[in-house]
Protein backbone atom coordinates (compact mmCIF):
# COMPACT_ATOMS: atom_id res chain seq x y z
CA MET A 1 0.09 -0.11 0.23
CA ALA A 2 0.63 3.70 -0.45
CA ALA A 3 0.58 6.22 2.29
CA PRO A 4 -0.93 9.53 2.02
CA ASN A 5 2.64 11.29 1.29
CA GLY A 6 3.59 8.60 -1.76
CA ARG A 7 5.90 6.38 0.36
CA ILE A 8 5.59 2.76 0.15
CA MET A 9 4.15 1.01 3.43
CA GLU A 10 6.18 -1.72 4.54
CA LEU A 11 3.96 -3.96 5.84
CA PRO A 12 1.87 -5.68 2.99
CA ILE A 13 -1.98 -6.47 3.18
CA LEU A 14 -2.18 -10.01 3.27
CA SER A 15 -5.71 -11.22 4.33
CA ASN A 16 -8.59 -10.12 2.61
CA PHE A 17 -12.09 -8.84 3.56
CA ARG A 18 -13.91 -12.32 3.28
CA GLU A 19 -11.21 -14.14 6.10
CA GLY A 20 -11.20 -10.21 7.96
CA LEU A 21 -8.17 -8.06 8.27
CA SER A 22 -6.34 -7.43 11.57
CA VAL A 23 -6.59 -4.35 13.02
CA LEU A 24 -3.26 -3.78 11.90
CA GLU A 25 -4.04 -4.48 8.18
CA MET A 26 -7.34 -2.59 8.50
CA PHE A 27 -5.28 0.89 9.41
CA PHE A 28 -3.73 0.25 6.64
CA SER A 29 -6.13 -0.45 3.88
CA THR A 30 -7.71 3.04 5.52
CA HIS A 31 -4.44 4.95 4.61
CA GLY A 32 -4.95 4.18 0.92
CA ALA A 33 -8.21 5.41 1.04
CA ARG A 34 -7.33 8.01 2.57
CA LYS A 35 -4.64 9.42 0.40
CA GLY A 36 -7.43 9.07 -2.74
CA MET A 37 -9.41 11.62 -0.78
CA THR A 38 -7.14 14.21 0.14
CA ASP A 39 -5.63 13.68 -3.25
CA THR A 40 -8.96 14.76 -5.22
CA ALA A 41 -9.49 17.44 -2.28
CA LEU A 42 -6.27 19.16 -2.27
CA LYS A 43 -4.04 18.39 -5.16
CA THR A 44 -6.35 20.24 -7.51
CA ALA A 45 -5.37 22.86 -7.11
CA ASP A 46 -1.67 21.86 -7.80
CA SER A 47 -2.68 21.36 -11.67
CA GLY A 48 -4.85 24.58 -11.38
CA TYR A 49 -1.42 26.13 -10.54
CA LEU A 50 0.41 24.31 -12.98
CA THR A 51 -2.08 25.33 -15.93
CA ARG A 52 -1.52 29.29 -15.12
CA ARG A 53 2.20 29.02 -14.82
CA LEU A 54 1.50 27.32 -18.65
CA VAL A 55 -0.44 30.19 -19.82
CA ASP A 56 1.79 32.24 -18.56
CA VAL A 57 4.91 30.96 -20.37
CA ALA A 58 3.31 30.79 -23.51
CA GLN A 59 0.08 33.27 -23.81
CA ASP A 60 2.32 35.40 -26.31
CA VAL A 61 2.88 32.43 -28.82
CA ILE A 62 0.41 33.17 -31.65
CA ILE A 63 0.58 32.01 -35.53
CA ARG A 64 2.71 35.07 -36.60
CA GLU A 65 2.85 34.04 -40.99
CA ASP A 66 2.24 31.04 -43.17
CA ASP A 67 6.19 29.97 -43.63
CA CYS A 68 9.17 31.21 -41.96
CA GLY A 69 11.16 29.66 -44.33
CA THR A 70 13.76 27.66 -41.92
CA ASP A 71 15.85 25.06 -43.24
CA ARG A 72 16.16 23.08 -40.13
CA GLY A 73 13.59 19.93 -39.08
CA LEU A 74 13.23 17.76 -36.01
CA LEU A 75 14.20 13.86 -36.97
CA ILE A 76 11.62 12.00 -35.16
CA THR A 77 11.09 7.86 -34.50
CA SER A 78 8.77 6.53 -31.86
CA ILE A 79 9.00 6.96 -28.37
CA THR A 80 9.67 4.03 -26.65
CA ASP A 81 10.27 3.44 -22.82
CA GLY A 82 12.31 0.22 -22.90
CA LYS A 83 10.25 -2.31 -24.83
CA GLU A 84 6.86 -0.02 -23.94
CA MET A 85 5.79 1.78 -27.11
CA ILE A 86 4.81 5.34 -25.80
CA GLU A 87 3.81 6.71 -28.70
CA PRO A 88 3.84 5.67 -32.50
CA LEU A 89 5.51 6.92 -35.14
CA GLU A 90 2.03 7.64 -37.05
CA GLU A 91 0.24 9.64 -34.23
CA ARG A 92 3.51 12.02 -34.33
CA LEU A 93 3.68 12.52 -37.96
CA VAL A 94 -0.27 12.78 -38.52
CA GLY A 95 -1.03 16.92 -39.04
CA ARG A 96 2.36 17.78 -39.47
CA TYR A 97 4.62 19.38 -42.59
CA THR A 98 7.12 17.01 -43.76
CA LYS A 99 10.72 19.01 -44.19
CA LYS A 100 12.55 16.07 -46.33
CA SER A 101 10.61 13.68 -48.57
CA ILE A 102 9.56 10.55 -47.28
CA LYS A 103 11.11 7.57 -49.54
CA HIS A 104 10.59 3.73 -49.24
CA PRO A 105 13.45 2.42 -47.84
CA GLU A 106 13.58 -0.18 -50.42
CA THR A 107 12.58 0.73 -53.58
CA GLY A 108 13.69 4.63 -53.18
CA GLU A 109 10.17 5.86 -54.62
CA VAL A 110 8.83 8.69 -52.52
CA LEU A 111 5.85 7.74 -50.32
CA VAL A 112 5.73 12.11 -49.18
CA PRO A 113 7.06 14.74 -51.04
CA ALA A 114 8.88 17.65 -49.27
CA ASP A 115 6.85 20.34 -47.55
CA VAL A 116 3.65 18.73 -47.42
CA LEU A 117 0.72 18.05 -44.69
CA VAL A 118 0.58 14.25 -43.43
CA THR A 119 -2.63 13.04 -43.58
CA GLU A 120 -3.71 9.85 -41.26
CA ASP A 121 -3.64 8.16 -44.70
CA MET A 122 -0.67 9.01 -45.42
CA ALA A 123 1.01 8.55 -42.24
CA ARG A 124 -0.22 4.93 -42.46
CA GLN A 125 1.18 4.00 -45.66
CA VAL A 126 4.51 5.59 -44.37
CA VAL A 127 4.70 3.20 -41.63
CA ASN A 128 3.62 0.23 -43.18
CA ALA A 129 6.48 0.61 -45.73
CA GLY A 130 8.73 0.20 -43.03
CA VAL A 131 10.07 3.68 -42.64
CA THR A 132 11.37 4.36 -39.00
CA GLU A 133 12.26 8.16 -38.80
CA VAL A 134 10.88 11.11 -40.52
CA THR A 135 12.37 14.85 -40.70
CA ILE A 136 9.20 17.35 -40.28
CA ARG A 137 8.98 20.84 -39.47
CA SER A 138 8.48 21.41 -35.72
CA VAL A 139 7.63 24.75 -33.56
CA LEU A 140 10.51 23.82 -32.16
CA THR A 141 12.70 24.33 -35.29
CA CYS A 142 10.55 27.51 -36.21
CA ASN A 143 12.52 30.55 -36.90
CA THR A 144 9.17 33.30 -36.49
CA ARG A 145 9.82 35.89 -34.36
CA HIS A 146 7.30 36.25 -31.27
CA GLY A 147 5.55 32.95 -32.29
CA VAL A 148 5.36 30.38 -34.89
CA CYS A 149 4.09 29.69 -38.36
CA ARG A 150 1.61 27.82 -39.89
CA HIS A 151 3.89 25.07 -41.50
CA CYS A 152 6.02 24.67 -38.88
CA TYR A 153 2.71 24.25 -36.34
CA GLY A 154 0.69 21.94 -38.43
CA ILE A 155 -3.08 21.28 -38.33
CA ASN A 156 -5.22 22.81 -35.83
CA LEU A 157 -6.23 19.86 -33.56
CA ALA A 158 -9.56 21.55 -32.88
CA THR A 159 -11.06 21.48 -36.02
CA GLY A 160 -8.55 19.16 -38.38
CA ASP A 161 -7.31 21.37 -40.81
CA ALA A 162 -4.58 23.75 -41.19
CA VAL A 163 -3.99 26.57 -38.39
CA GLU A 164 -4.99 30.24 -39.22
CA VAL A 165 -2.63 33.02 -38.80
CA GLY A 166 -3.81 34.49 -35.54
CA GLU A 167 -4.77 31.64 -33.65
CA ALA A 168 -3.37 31.60 -29.93
CA VAL A 169 -1.72 28.46 -29.95
CA GLY A 170 0.36 29.13 -26.61
CA THR A 171 -2.61 29.39 -24.54
CA ILE A 172 -4.64 25.91 -26.47
CA ALA A 173 -1.05 24.31 -25.46
CA ALA A 174 -1.23 25.31 -21.83
CA GLN A 175 -5.00 24.25 -20.98
CA SER A 176 -3.98 21.14 -23.37
CA ILE A 177 -1.34 20.25 -20.71
CA GLY A 178 -2.41 21.74 -17.93
CA GLU A 179 -6.53 20.32 -17.86
CA PRO A 180 -5.12 16.65 -18.24
CA GLY A 181 -3.33 17.23 -15.03
CA THR A 182 -6.69 17.02 -13.18
CA GLN A 183 -6.46 13.32 -14.55
CA LEU A 184 -2.90 12.78 -13.01
CA THR A 185 -3.73 13.71 -10.03
CA MET A 186 -6.75 11.77 -9.77
CA ARG A 187 -5.53 8.65 -10.88
CA THR A 188 -4.76 7.35 -7.44
CA PHE A 189 -8.27 7.83 -6.16
CA HIS A 190 -8.77 5.01 -9.14
CA THR A 191 -6.13 2.98 -8.02
CA GLY A 192 -7.26 2.87 -4.37
CA GLY A 193 -4.14 4.09 -2.98
CA VAL A 194 -2.41 0.70 -4.32
CA ALA A 195 1.62 1.01 -4.51
CA SER A 196 2.48 0.72 -8.70
CA SER A 197 6.06 1.95 -9.89
CA SER A 198 3.78 4.96 -12.31
CA ASP A 199 2.04 6.23 -8.75
CA ILE A 200 4.89 6.68 -7.07
CA THR A 201 7.40 8.51 -9.91
CA GLN A 202 4.94 9.64 -12.13
CA GLY A 203 1.74 11.99 -12.35
CA LEU A 204 1.59 15.41 -11.82
CA PRO A 205 4.74 16.00 -9.40
CA ARG A 206 6.64 14.82 -12.09
CA VAL A 207 5.26 17.18 -15.01
CA GLN A 208 5.93 20.03 -12.94
CA GLU A 209 9.61 18.50 -12.15
CA ILE A 210 10.40 18.74 -16.04
CA PHE A 211 8.55 22.11 -16.62
CA GLU A 212 10.46 23.92 -13.66
CA ALA A 213 13.56 22.55 -14.90
CA ARG A 214 14.42 20.94 -11.21
CA ASN A 215 16.52 18.27 -9.91
CA PRO A 216 14.67 15.16 -10.71
CA LYS A 217 14.15 12.61 -7.56
CA GLY A 218 16.91 9.52 -8.29
CA GLU A 219 19.09 11.39 -11.10
CA ALA A 220 20.56 9.32 -13.45
CA VAL A 221 24.75 10.04 -13.79
CA ILE A 222 25.26 10.61 -17.45
CA THR A 223 28.35 10.09 -19.72
CA GLU A 224 30.41 13.43 -21.14
CA VAL A 225 32.33 11.05 -23.21
CA LYS A 226 31.60 9.21 -26.58
CA GLY A 227 33.06 6.05 -26.11
CA GLU A 228 32.89 2.45 -24.34
CA VAL A 229 32.41 1.22 -21.39
CA THR A 230 35.97 -0.32 -20.60
CA ALA A 231 35.19 -1.29 -16.27
CA ILE A 232 32.99 -1.38 -13.76
CA GLU A 233 34.68 -1.06 -10.15
CA GLU A 234 32.55 -1.46 -6.93
CA ASP A 235 34.34 0.03 -3.44
CA ALA A 236 32.66 -1.60 -0.73
CA SER A 237 34.67 0.90 1.69
CA THR A 238 32.55 4.10 0.32
CA ARG A 239 29.47 2.02 -1.22
CA THR A 240 29.85 3.18 -4.50
CA LYS A 241 30.34 1.89 -7.80
CA LYS A 242 33.26 3.67 -10.20
CA VAL A 243 31.84 3.71 -14.22
CA PHE A 244 34.87 3.91 -16.33
CA VAL A 245 34.15 5.40 -20.01
CA LYS A 246 36.98 5.16 -22.79
CA GLY A 247 36.54 7.23 -25.86
CA GLN A 248 38.68 9.06 -28.81
CA THR A 249 38.10 12.65 -26.91
CA GLY A 250 39.50 11.07 -23.62
CA GLU A 251 38.54 9.18 -20.67
CA GLY A 252 35.46 9.34 -17.71
CA GLU A 253 35.18 8.36 -14.23
CA TYR A 254 31.34 8.39 -13.16
CA VAL A 255 31.02 7.83 -9.46
CA VAL A 256 27.78 6.09 -8.87
CA PRO A 257 25.76 5.19 -5.66
CA PHE A 258 25.88 1.46 -4.72
CA THR A 259 22.39 1.03 -4.93
CA ALA A 260 21.72 2.68 -8.39
CA ARG A 261 20.55 -0.31 -10.88
CA MET A 262 22.71 0.22 -13.98
CA LYS A 263 21.89 1.20 -17.61
CA VAL A 264 25.45 -0.11 -19.10
CA GLU A 265 27.80 -3.09 -18.89
CA VAL A 266 31.60 -3.24 -19.66
CA GLY A 267 32.13 -3.38 -23.58
CA ASP A 268 28.76 -1.19 -24.19
CA GLN A 269 29.59 1.70 -26.42
CA VAL A 270 27.71 4.77 -25.24
CA SER A 271 27.20 8.66 -26.82
CA ARG A 272 27.32 12.07 -25.01
CA GLY A 273 24.71 12.63 -22.32
CA ALA A 274 23.89 8.83 -22.46
CA ALA A 275 22.66 7.79 -19.32
CA LEU A 276 24.74 5.30 -17.42
CA THR A 277 21.72 4.16 -13.85
CA GLU A 278 18.22 4.22 -13.84
CA GLY A 279 16.80 7.43 -13.32
CA SER A 280 15.88 10.61 -14.83
CA ILE A 281 18.27 12.87 -16.16
CA GLN A 282 18.59 16.73 -15.44
CA PRO A 283 18.03 18.52 -18.80
CA LYS A 284 20.50 21.56 -17.76
CA HIS A 285 23.56 18.89 -17.16
CA LEU A 286 22.27 17.05 -20.54
CA LEU A 287 22.50 21.00 -22.04
CA ALA A 288 26.32 21.12 -21.01
CA VAL A 289 27.00 18.11 -23.12
CA ARG A 290 24.63 18.13 -25.90
CA ASP A 291 22.70 20.40 -28.31
CA VAL A 292 19.65 22.27 -27.38
CA LEU A 293 17.39 20.08 -30.01
CA SER A 294 18.77 17.18 -28.13
CA VAL A 295 17.94 18.42 -24.82
CA GLU A 296 13.99 19.72 -26.60
CA THR A 297 13.47 16.44 -27.19
CA TYR A 298 14.20 14.51 -24.21
CA LEU A 299 11.93 17.31 -22.34
CA LEU A 300 9.30 16.28 -25.33
CA ALA A 301 9.57 12.51 -25.07
CA GLU A 302 9.57 12.70 -21.05
CA VAL A 303 6.24 14.67 -20.58
CA GLN A 304 4.88 12.33 -23.13
CA LYS A 305 5.87 9.67 -20.68
CA VAL A 306 4.21 10.71 -18.18
CA TYR A 307 0.54 11.53 -19.83
CA ARG A 308 0.64 8.43 -21.69
CA SER A 309 1.36 5.86 -19.59
CA GLN A 310 -1.81 7.37 -17.27
CA GLY A 311 -3.63 6.82 -20.78
CA VAL A 312 -4.03 10.72 -21.35
CA GLU A 313 -3.15 11.55 -25.19
CA ILE A 314 -1.44 14.89 -25.90
CA GLY A 315 -0.37 16.45 -29.59
CA ASP A 316 3.57 16.88 -29.90
CA LYS A 317 3.08 20.14 -30.41
CA HIS A 318 1.93 21.52 -27.50
CA ILE A 319 4.83 20.17 -25.50
CA GLU A 320 6.77 21.48 -28.26
CA VAL A 321 5.17 25.02 -27.61
CA MET A 322 6.29 25.22 -24.15
CA VAL A 323 9.88 23.44 -24.33
CA ARG A 324 10.56 26.38 -27.07
CA GLN A 325 9.60 28.93 -24.49
CA MET A 326 11.83 27.28 -21.96
CA ILE A 327 14.63 27.30 -23.84
CA ARG A 328 14.62 30.81 -25.84
CA LYS A 329 17.27 32.80 -23.79
CA VAL A 330 21.00 32.66 -24.36
CA ARG A 331 23.82 34.29 -21.88
CA VAL A 332 26.51 36.06 -23.40
CA MET A 333 30.11 34.30 -23.08
CA ASP A 334 31.95 36.85 -25.45
CA PRO A 335 30.74 39.73 -26.69
CA GLY A 336 33.30 40.01 -29.84
CA ASP A 337 32.53 43.44 -31.95
CA THR A 338 28.82 43.87 -30.65
CA ASP A 339 27.69 46.32 -27.78
CA LEU A 340 26.89 43.35 -25.75
CA LEU A 341 27.86 42.49 -22.23
CA MET A 342 29.46 39.57 -21.50
CA GLY A 343 27.37 37.57 -18.59
CA THR A 344 23.67 38.96 -20.14
CA LEU A 345 20.66 36.86 -20.58
CA MET A 346 18.91 37.78 -23.49
CA ASP A 347 16.62 36.32 -25.81
CA ILE A 348 18.01 34.32 -28.75
CA THR A 349 15.83 36.40 -31.47
CA ASP A 350 17.86 39.87 -30.02
CA PHE A 351 20.93 38.24 -30.20
CA THR A 352 20.83 36.92 -33.61
CA ASP A 353 20.07 40.27 -34.75
CA ALA A 354 22.83 41.84 -32.99
CA ASN A 355 24.81 39.08 -34.56
CA ARG A 356 24.27 39.67 -38.02
CA ASP A 357 24.23 43.73 -37.95
CA VAL A 358 27.87 42.45 -36.84
CA VAL A 359 29.07 39.88 -39.72
CA ILE A 360 27.66 42.25 -42.47
CA SER A 361 29.88 45.03 -41.28
CA GLY A 362 32.92 42.59 -40.92
CA GLY A 363 33.60 42.39 -37.41
CA VAL A 364 33.95 39.33 -35.03
CA PRO A 365 30.19 37.62 -33.81
CA ALA A 366 29.45 37.07 -30.35
CA THR A 367 29.48 33.68 -28.70
CA ALA A 368 26.60 32.81 -26.44
CA ARG A 369 25.50 29.74 -24.28
CA PRO A 370 21.94 28.62 -24.24
CA VAL A 371 20.03 28.68 -20.73
CA LEU A 372 17.18 26.22 -19.95
CA MET A 373 14.70 27.40 -17.59
CA GLY A 374 11.59 26.53 -15.66
CA ILE A 375 8.38 28.13 -16.63
CA THR A 376 8.34 29.97 -13.67
CA LYS A 377 11.58 31.49 -14.48
CA ALA A 378 11.00 31.87 -18.24
CA SER A 379 7.47 34.02 -17.36
CA LEU A 380 9.13 36.37 -15.21
CA GLU A 381 12.24 36.82 -17.58
CA THR A 382 9.96 37.60 -20.70
CA ASN A 383 10.54 40.63 -22.36
CA SER A 384 7.17 42.39 -21.13
CA PHE A 385 7.44 43.45 -18.04
CA LEU A 386 3.72 44.19 -18.02
CA SER A 387 3.17 40.10 -18.32
CA ALA A 388 5.25 39.53 -15.62
CA ALA A 389 4.22 41.77 -12.89
CA SER A 390 1.29 40.31 -13.57
CA PHE A 391 2.47 36.97 -12.68
CA GLN A 392 4.18 36.58 -9.94
CA GLU A 393 6.72 39.20 -7.86
CA THR A 394 5.33 42.56 -8.97
CA THR A 395 7.14 45.23 -6.75
CA ARG A 396 10.50 43.44 -8.10
CA VAL A 397 9.78 43.23 -11.56
CA LEU A 398 8.26 47.03 -11.48
CA THR A 399 11.39 47.94 -9.93
CA ASP A 400 13.56 46.43 -12.37
CA ALA A 401 11.88 47.77 -15.23
CA ALA A 402 11.89 51.05 -14.22
CA ILE A 403 15.73 51.46 -13.34
CA ARG A 404 16.51 49.92 -16.76
CA GLY A 405 14.30 52.24 -18.33
CA LYS A 406 12.21 48.90 -20.06
CA LYS A 407 10.04 49.38 -22.97
CA ASP A 408 6.89 46.88 -23.39
CA HIS A 409 6.01 46.86 -27.41
CA LEU A 410 2.80 44.95 -26.57
CA LEU A 411 3.38 41.75 -28.95
CA GLY A 412 1.33 39.42 -26.04
CA LEU A 413 -2.14 38.96 -25.27
CA LYS A 414 -1.77 39.72 -21.28
CA GLU A 415 -0.06 42.98 -21.57
CA ASN A 416 -2.98 44.38 -24.28
CA VAL A 417 -5.44 43.05 -21.75
CA ILE A 418 -4.07 45.36 -18.93
CA ILE A 419 -4.02 47.96 -20.83
CA GLY A 420 -7.66 47.56 -22.35
CA LYS A 421 -6.20 47.16 -25.90
CA ILE A 422 -7.59 44.29 -28.41
CA ILE A 423 -5.45 41.53 -28.20
CA PRO A 424 -2.91 40.91 -30.97
CA ALA A 425 -4.73 37.36 -31.92
CA GLY A 426 -7.76 35.72 -33.59
CA THR A 427 -7.92 34.45 -37.01
CA GLY A 428 -10.52 37.18 -37.94
CA MET A 429 -8.41 40.14 -37.69
CA ALA A 430 -6.41 40.49 -40.87
CA ARG A 431 -9.81 39.13 -42.44
CA TYR A 432 -11.95 41.98 -41.22
CA ARG A 433 -9.62 45.01 -41.61
CA ASN A 434 -8.88 44.23 -44.99
CA LEU A 435 -12.17 44.02 -46.36
CA GLU A 436 -12.63 45.85 -49.52
CA PRO A 437 -16.48 47.05 -50.45
CA GLN A 438 -17.64 45.78 -53.52
CA ALA A 439 -19.94 48.15 -56.19
CA ILE A 440 -23.16 46.65 -56.55
CA ASN A 441 -22.75 47.10 -60.62
CA GLU A 442 -19.88 45.14 -60.98
CA VAL A 443 -21.89 41.49 -59.23
CA GLU A 444 -23.25 39.72 -61.66
CA ILE A 445 -26.61 38.48 -62.28
CA ILE A 446 -27.20 35.21 -62.37
CA ASP A 447 -30.61 34.92 -63.29
CA GLU A 448 -33.74 37.36 -63.25
CA VAL A 449 -36.59 36.46 -61.41
CA VAL A 450 -40.48 37.85 -61.81
CA VAL A 451 -42.52 38.61 -58.97
CA THR A 452 -45.97 38.36 -59.78
CA PRO A 453 -48.77 39.99 -57.08
CA GLU A 454 -49.88 36.64 -56.37
CA ASP A 455 -46.34 35.48 -55.18
CA VAL A 456 -46.61 38.52 -53.14
CA GLU A 457 -49.90 37.32 -52.13
CA SER A 458 -48.65 33.60 -51.10
CA THR A 459 -45.72 34.98 -49.44
CA GLU A 460 -47.80 37.25 -46.77
CA THR A 461 -49.86 34.13 -46.25
CA LEU A 462 -46.69 31.92 -44.85
CA VAL A 463 -45.60 35.16 -43.09
CA THR A 464 -48.93 35.12 -41.23
CA GLU A 465 -49.02 31.39 -40.60
């Protein structure tokens, strides 16, 4: 059984209700029932708070243009956990635009051309042909400023059609992830508090752990060297194990807790950032040894594992929107010939602009390191001080904005609501504003109908009835 705090109670219940439970067994079984009741009452608030933070971090993500023209794509495969299938390739492919053409692995025939919206039939055909990986347009690789383009987003899951310019996809993503969070909390109520691995390590706390980029419980040790595991030595005096990895770039020695379950054996080939032990990888450590896209794909897969294991299906694109917001900042390491200051935390688009100007004039560009932030910190570090002030730490945010003489460009939804302006979203905006009056004499008359007095009388009779 599981105690109300999630800890497994060490005494199993061996009797049943037919034979009769002892006093202690009865007490333990009611522990589980109480856990279900308290979860329902208290943890619903946690799910609501998660939704609020998700909305805040992504509220300014709007479909801004038709095509951003990016030259990058996301290579996707089925998401698996060991031998368990989490999300098949077919589901990940439906409703996305292809970046490269998908070819038959044996014949080389083009199954789906590049830059085409994949339908269910196309996805089924691709998987049946034996294709295991596909490069698609993704929110993670979109170049659109202050939002996403239609091609990188794909279909609107609410309508089944390609998303329209002006759709507030950030808010949709936040609600799509936050609302099923209530189902994750309630899950213990359905299982009656019986101890299972998913009940203890999964659920809403794990989702919050991922989105807040916290140190995970039972953190896995990762390797910084690509190569071969040469030895695993046990040290009884310190109750630890040492794992040695040898590669072309050097050797790595990793100290692992004695009780940790190993994922590798001597002779295994490992890549940089691979987990040596069971557990969750700290994404900030992964970012130090791998590229940004690898970290984003890891976070996406981890969130899907939690929801899918509880029977909740969420579209990849919603999680992609959130992950992109978490990793949109960079820290300047070397300013080069730019006017930037070393150590400055800034938006990646502003950094790219500063570098472009310097490169055009023949100078040395700045270098920077990507920074992964939790959704709360990312909300407070947004370029809009009105949005940040309305979220948390109002006094600090406004004081900081006043000292720096910040300017709010009112690009998101919240800041426009605060000052009473119309929000810069809505699929009808451009269409309504660009309406052109049409002259009556230009309208083509298809057919002339002659109305007789009898027709008028019969119409009047129908109306009065």
